[in-house]
Amino acid sequence: MTEPFYCRLTVLVRLSADEQGMYICLSDTISTLRMVLEQRYYSLRRPPGGKYIAELNRLRLIHPDDSDIERMLKAMRQRMRVLHLAHTKIDFIDRLASYLPASDKTIVFHEQVRYVEEVRDIFAKLAPRLRAVFTHHSHLTESARANALSRFRAELGALMLTAHTLDEGLDVADASVAILLASSGSGRQKIQRIGRVLRPTSDKARARIVILAARDTIEDPLGLHRRTDKFFDAVAEVGEPAILEWPENEREVISFLAGKDAQR
């Protein structure tokens, strides 16, 4: 069997005390509303294809007077935002410039365009600590996306923030590091995101894939509240399973990012 030219690491980060408190509060609200709504609507007990949010949105159109549906969607959006913009995740990416070899290019995958824009604005305030940062998403014009890709390819050590538009059918040359800052519910789409950076580098190091997950949340592959969409099981099939905590295992994570653990 041919050895894959990439290696995968899940990095567990902790939410701040305020973020964790907000996460727990929102999770309690979601749990309570889930029980209420699943009693009210049988289709939510077994949503088609496991698409719970899609089914909630469908029911909202059919039952516009049911305020519990809107409350549920709002709580889920707010909890998602806590996870997507967690301070430790942003700080981790901010530090990439000092951890990666100067020539390595990185793609950071996010769930939604609005989070890409928020993260970009945060990074803009951190310059010049980060290298060149570009964005690529569906809200940009075709020419703006083409320009971002062209500049990304030309800039050593560049970082690209994207949501969905790099998922399929677009070759991103020379990227050797992928960071999944947040991910959609589709296991297939997540695997395709990973595939965007599976490029062997000139020094024979394997591409590196880092999944940032918040500890003790639905993202945690080791926790009781892990997702039921089988994401981490699916990813384990396309890369060696490895999990480290940040910043407790900082030295090992830095070694991985630097490619020292990714040599053939």
Protein backbone atom coordinates (compact mmCIF):
# COMPACT_ATOMS: atom_id res chain seq x y z
CA MET A 1 0.00 0.00 0.00
CA THR A 2 1.38 3.42 -1.01
CA GLU A 3 2.14 5.73 1.90
CA PRO A 4 0.03 8.90 1.76
CA PHE A 5 1.98 12.10 1.15
CA TYR A 6 0.17 13.87 3.98
CA CYS A 7 -0.22 13.50 7.73
CA ARG A 8 -3.04 14.63 9.98
CA LEU A 9 -3.21 16.10 13.48
CA THR A 10 -6.15 17.11 15.63
CA VAL A 11 -5.24 19.96 17.97
CA LEU A 12 -7.51 20.40 20.97
CA VAL A 13 -7.83 23.92 22.34
CA ARG A 14 -9.77 25.17 25.34
CA LEU A 15 -12.41 27.87 25.26
CA SER A 16 -11.92 30.83 27.57
CA ALA A 17 -14.00 30.88 30.76
CA ASP A 18 -16.45 33.34 29.21
CA GLU A 19 -16.68 31.33 25.99
CA GLN A 20 -17.18 28.08 27.89
CA GLY A 21 -19.91 29.63 30.02
CA MET A 22 -21.69 30.92 26.93
CA TYR A 23 -21.26 27.55 25.21
CA ILE A 24 -22.79 25.66 28.15
CA CYS A 25 -25.72 28.09 28.41
CA LEU A 26 -26.48 27.83 24.71
CA SER A 27 -26.09 24.04 24.77
CA ASP A 28 -28.63 23.82 27.61
CA THR A 29 -31.06 25.94 25.60
CA ILE A 30 -30.54 23.78 22.53
CA SER A 31 -31.04 20.58 24.51
CA THR A 32 -34.30 21.82 26.03
CA LEU A 33 -35.67 23.08 22.71
CA ARG A 34 -34.59 19.90 20.94
CA MET A 35 -36.75 17.79 23.25
CA VAL A 36 -39.71 20.13 22.79
CA LEU A 37 -39.43 20.29 19.02
CA GLU A 38 -38.81 16.59 18.52
CA GLN A 39 -42.00 15.88 20.45
CA ARG A 40 -43.82 18.37 18.25
CA TYR A 41 -42.34 17.36 14.88
CA TYR A 42 -41.59 13.72 14.19
CA SER A 43 -39.38 14.60 11.20
CA LEU A 44 -36.78 16.09 13.56
CA ARG A 45 -36.24 12.74 15.24
CA ARG A 46 -34.83 11.32 12.03
CA PRO A 47 -34.09 14.19 9.67
CA PRO A 48 -33.39 13.17 6.04
CA GLY A 49 -29.69 12.51 5.59
CA GLY A 50 -29.02 13.69 9.13
CA LYS A 51 -29.58 17.31 8.04
CA TYR A 52 -31.10 18.61 11.24
CA ILE A 53 -30.68 22.34 10.52
CA ALA A 54 -32.05 21.94 7.01
CA GLU A 55 -35.12 20.27 8.44
CA LEU A 56 -35.52 23.04 11.02
CA ASN A 57 -35.42 25.62 8.23
CA ARG A 58 -38.00 23.66 6.26
CA LEU A 59 -40.31 23.51 9.27
CA ARG A 60 -39.85 27.23 9.89
CA LEU A 61 -41.33 27.94 6.46
CA ILE A 62 -44.26 25.62 7.11
CA HIS A 63 -44.86 26.83 10.67
CA PRO A 64 -43.82 30.53 10.72
CA ASP A 65 -45.70 31.14 14.00
CA ASP A 66 -43.69 28.55 15.96
CA SER A 67 -41.23 30.76 17.85
CA ASP A 68 -39.43 27.74 19.30
CA ILE A 69 -38.04 26.88 15.86
CA GLU A 70 -36.53 30.34 15.48
CA ARG A 71 -35.19 30.23 19.04
CA MET A 72 -33.55 26.89 18.30
CA LEU A 73 -31.92 28.13 15.09
CA LYS A 74 -30.70 31.29 16.82
CA ALA A 75 -29.17 29.33 19.71
CA MET A 76 -27.43 26.98 17.27
CA ARG A 77 -26.03 29.93 15.29
CA GLN A 78 -24.77 31.59 18.46
CA ARG A 79 -23.12 28.39 19.69
CA MET A 80 -21.51 27.91 16.29
CA ARG A 81 -20.11 31.42 16.45
CA VAL A 82 -18.57 30.75 19.88
CA LEU A 83 -16.77 27.72 18.45
CA HIS A 84 -15.79 29.30 15.14
CA LEU A 85 -14.29 32.46 16.64
CA ALA A 86 -12.80 30.97 19.79
CA HIS A 87 -9.87 33.09 20.97
CA THR A 88 -7.50 30.12 21.20
CA LYS A 89 -8.19 29.11 17.58
CA ILE A 90 -7.49 32.61 16.33
CA ASP A 91 -4.35 32.82 18.47
CA PHE A 92 -3.15 29.47 17.12
CA ILE A 93 -3.36 30.68 13.53
CA ASP A 94 -1.82 34.02 14.43
CA ARG A 95 1.24 32.12 15.64
CA LEU A 96 1.59 30.05 12.46
CA ALA A 97 4.05 32.48 10.89
CA SER A 98 6.61 31.71 13.57
CA TYR A 99 6.08 27.95 13.41
CA LEU A 100 6.03 27.17 9.70
CA PRO A 101 8.96 27.10 7.30
CA ALA A 102 9.13 30.43 5.46
CA SER A 103 8.09 28.94 2.10
CA ASP A 104 5.06 26.97 3.33
CA LYS A 105 1.65 28.15 2.19
CA THR A 106 -1.45 27.56 4.30
CA ILE A 107 -5.15 27.31 3.55
CA VAL A 108 -7.54 27.94 6.46
CA PHE A 109 -10.99 26.46 5.83
CA HIS A 110 -14.01 27.93 7.50
CA GLU A 111 -17.71 27.18 7.61
CA GLN A 112 -19.31 30.43 6.49
CA VAL A 113 -18.30 33.57 4.64
CA ARG A 114 -19.16 35.87 7.53
CA TYR A 115 -16.67 34.06 9.75
CA VAL A 116 -13.98 34.28 7.06
CA GLU A 117 -14.50 38.03 6.97
CA GLU A 118 -14.45 38.34 10.77
CA VAL A 119 -11.26 36.31 11.02
CA ARG A 120 -9.69 38.40 8.24
CA ASP A 121 -10.53 41.60 10.13
CA ILE A 122 -8.99 40.15 13.29
CA PHE A 123 -5.83 39.17 11.42
CA ALA A 124 -5.59 42.61 9.81
CA LYS A 125 -5.10 44.08 13.29
CA LEU A 126 -2.33 41.57 14.01
CA ALA A 127 -0.09 42.49 11.07
CA PRO A 128 2.83 42.30 10.55
CA ARG A 129 2.97 39.14 12.70
CA LEU A 130 1.17 37.18 10.00
CA ARG A 131 2.44 36.76 6.48
CA ALA A 132 0.36 37.80 3.47
CA VAL A 133 -3.31 36.94 4.07
CA PHE A 134 -5.86 36.49 1.28
CA THR A 135 -9.56 35.56 1.19
CA HIS A 136 -11.50 33.46 -1.30
CA HIS A 137 -15.26 32.98 -1.02
CA SER A 138 -18.52 33.21 -2.94
CA HIS A 139 -19.31 36.78 -1.89
CA LEU A 140 -16.29 38.06 -3.81
CA THR A 141 -16.45 38.78 -7.53
CA GLU A 142 -14.92 36.28 -9.93
CA SER A 143 -12.08 38.69 -10.71
CA ALA A 144 -11.40 39.26 -6.98
CA ARG A 145 -11.21 35.50 -6.39
CA ALA A 146 -8.90 35.05 -9.37
CA ASN A 147 -6.67 37.87 -8.12
CA ALA A 148 -6.52 36.35 -4.63
CA LEU A 149 -5.48 32.97 -6.04
CA SER A 150 -2.86 34.55 -8.29
CA ARG A 151 -1.32 36.50 -5.42
CA PHE A 152 -1.50 33.48 -3.11
CA ARG A 153 0.43 31.38 -5.62
CA ALA A 154 3.07 34.07 -6.04
CA GLU A 155 3.63 34.91 -2.37
CA LEU A 156 5.97 32.76 -0.25
CA GLY A 157 4.46 31.75 3.07
CA ALA A 158 1.01 33.09 2.14
CA LEU A 159 -2.18 32.24 4.02
CA MET A 160 -5.59 31.84 2.36
CA LEU A 161 -8.88 32.09 4.29
CA THR A 162 -11.74 30.39 2.49
CA ALA A 163 -15.30 29.15 2.86
CA HIS A 164 -16.52 26.43 0.50
CA THR A 165 -15.21 27.92 -2.77
CA LEU A 166 -11.99 25.90 -2.61
CA ASP A 167 -13.81 22.70 -1.68
CA GLU A 168 -14.10 21.15 -5.10
CA GLY A 169 -12.63 21.36 -8.55
CA LEU A 170 -10.03 24.07 -7.99
CA ASP A 171 -6.33 23.35 -7.91
CA VAL A 172 -4.41 25.39 -5.36
CA ALA A 173 -0.77 25.01 -6.25
CA ASP A 174 1.96 24.45 -3.69
CA ALA A 175 -0.14 24.64 -0.50
CA SER A 176 1.36 22.27 2.03
CA VAL A 177 -0.62 23.04 5.21
CA ALA A 178 -4.38 22.91 5.78
CA ILE A 179 -6.10 24.23 8.89
CA LEU A 180 -9.74 23.32 9.45
CA LEU A 181 -10.83 26.14 11.72
CA ALA A 182 -14.43 25.00 11.51
CA SER A 183 -16.20 22.48 9.37
CA SER A 184 -19.56 21.72 7.82
CA GLY A 185 -21.76 18.77 8.68
CA SER A 186 -20.87 16.98 5.45
CA GLY A 187 -18.14 14.38 5.97
CA ARG A 188 -17.62 14.23 2.21
CA GLN A 189 -17.05 17.96 2.00
CA LYS A 190 -14.56 17.89 4.86
CA ILE A 191 -12.52 15.20 3.15
CA GLN A 192 -12.55 17.24 -0.07
CA ARG A 193 -11.32 20.26 1.86
CA ILE A 194 -8.40 18.23 3.12
CA GLY A 195 -7.68 17.09 -0.44
CA ARG A 196 -7.10 20.68 -1.57
CA VAL A 197 -3.68 20.75 0.10
CA LEU A 198 -2.43 17.23 -0.51
CA ARG A 199 0.62 18.34 -2.44
CA PRO A 200 4.05 16.81 -1.86
CA THR A 201 6.58 19.57 -1.19
CA SER A 202 9.98 19.90 -2.80
CA ASP A 203 11.84 18.81 0.32
CA LYS A 204 9.90 15.51 0.35
CA ALA A 205 7.96 16.47 3.48
CA ARG A 206 4.36 15.39 3.52
CA ALA A 207 1.54 17.90 3.53
CA ARG A 208 0.19 18.63 7.01
CA ILE A 209 -3.49 18.76 7.96
CA VAL A 210 -4.51 20.33 11.28
CA ILE A 211 -8.05 20.14 12.62
CA LEU A 212 -8.66 22.68 15.39
CA ALA A 213 -11.28 21.39 17.84
CA ALA A 214 -12.53 22.91 21.08
CA ARG A 215 -12.17 20.67 24.11
CA ASP A 216 -15.33 19.56 25.94
CA THR A 217 -17.62 20.62 23.11
CA ILE A 218 -19.37 18.90 20.20
CA GLU A 219 -16.07 19.26 18.29
CA ASP A 220 -14.06 17.21 20.78
CA PRO A 221 -13.28 13.76 19.28
CA LEU A 222 -12.50 12.43 22.76
CA GLY A 223 -15.46 13.93 24.60
CA LEU A 224 -18.93 12.75 25.48
CA HIS A 225 -20.48 15.48 23.34
CA ARG A 226 -18.72 14.62 20.10
CA ARG A 227 -20.68 15.02 16.88
CA THR A 228 -22.59 12.07 15.52
CA ASP A 229 -21.74 12.86 11.89
CA LYS A 230 -18.70 10.55 11.96
CA PHE A 231 -16.32 13.31 10.84
CA PHE A 232 -13.34 12.23 12.92
CA ASP A 233 -13.91 8.59 11.98
CA ALA A 234 -13.94 9.58 8.31
CA VAL A 235 -10.80 11.69 8.61
CA ALA A 236 -9.01 8.86 10.40
CA GLU A 237 -9.41 6.85 7.20
CA VAL A 238 -7.40 9.37 5.19
CA GLY A 239 -4.62 10.20 7.64
CA GLU A 240 -2.93 8.82 10.71
CA PRO A 241 -4.98 9.56 13.84
CA ALA A 242 -3.09 11.85 16.19
CA ILE A 243 -4.48 14.16 18.87
CA LEU A 244 -2.56 16.75 20.88
CA GLU A 245 -3.67 19.45 23.30
CA TRP A 246 -2.73 23.09 22.90
CA PRO A 247 -0.78 24.67 24.51
CA GLU A 248 0.07 21.69 26.74
CA ASN A 249 1.75 19.84 23.83
CA GLU A 250 3.13 22.97 22.19
CA ARG A 251 6.53 21.48 21.38
CA GLU A 252 5.03 18.47 19.58
CA VAL A 253 2.55 20.62 17.66
CA ILE A 254 5.30 23.01 16.52
CA SER A 255 7.41 20.06 15.42
CA PHE A 256 4.50 18.77 13.35
CA LEU A 257 3.85 22.17 11.76
CA ALA A 258 7.51 22.61 10.94
CA GLY A 259 7.40 19.35 9.01
CA LYS A 260 9.82 17.53 11.30
CA ASP A 261 7.24 14.79 11.85
CA ALA A 262 6.15 14.83 8.23
CA GLN A 263 9.30 13.66 6.50
CA ARG A 264 9.00 10.56 4.37
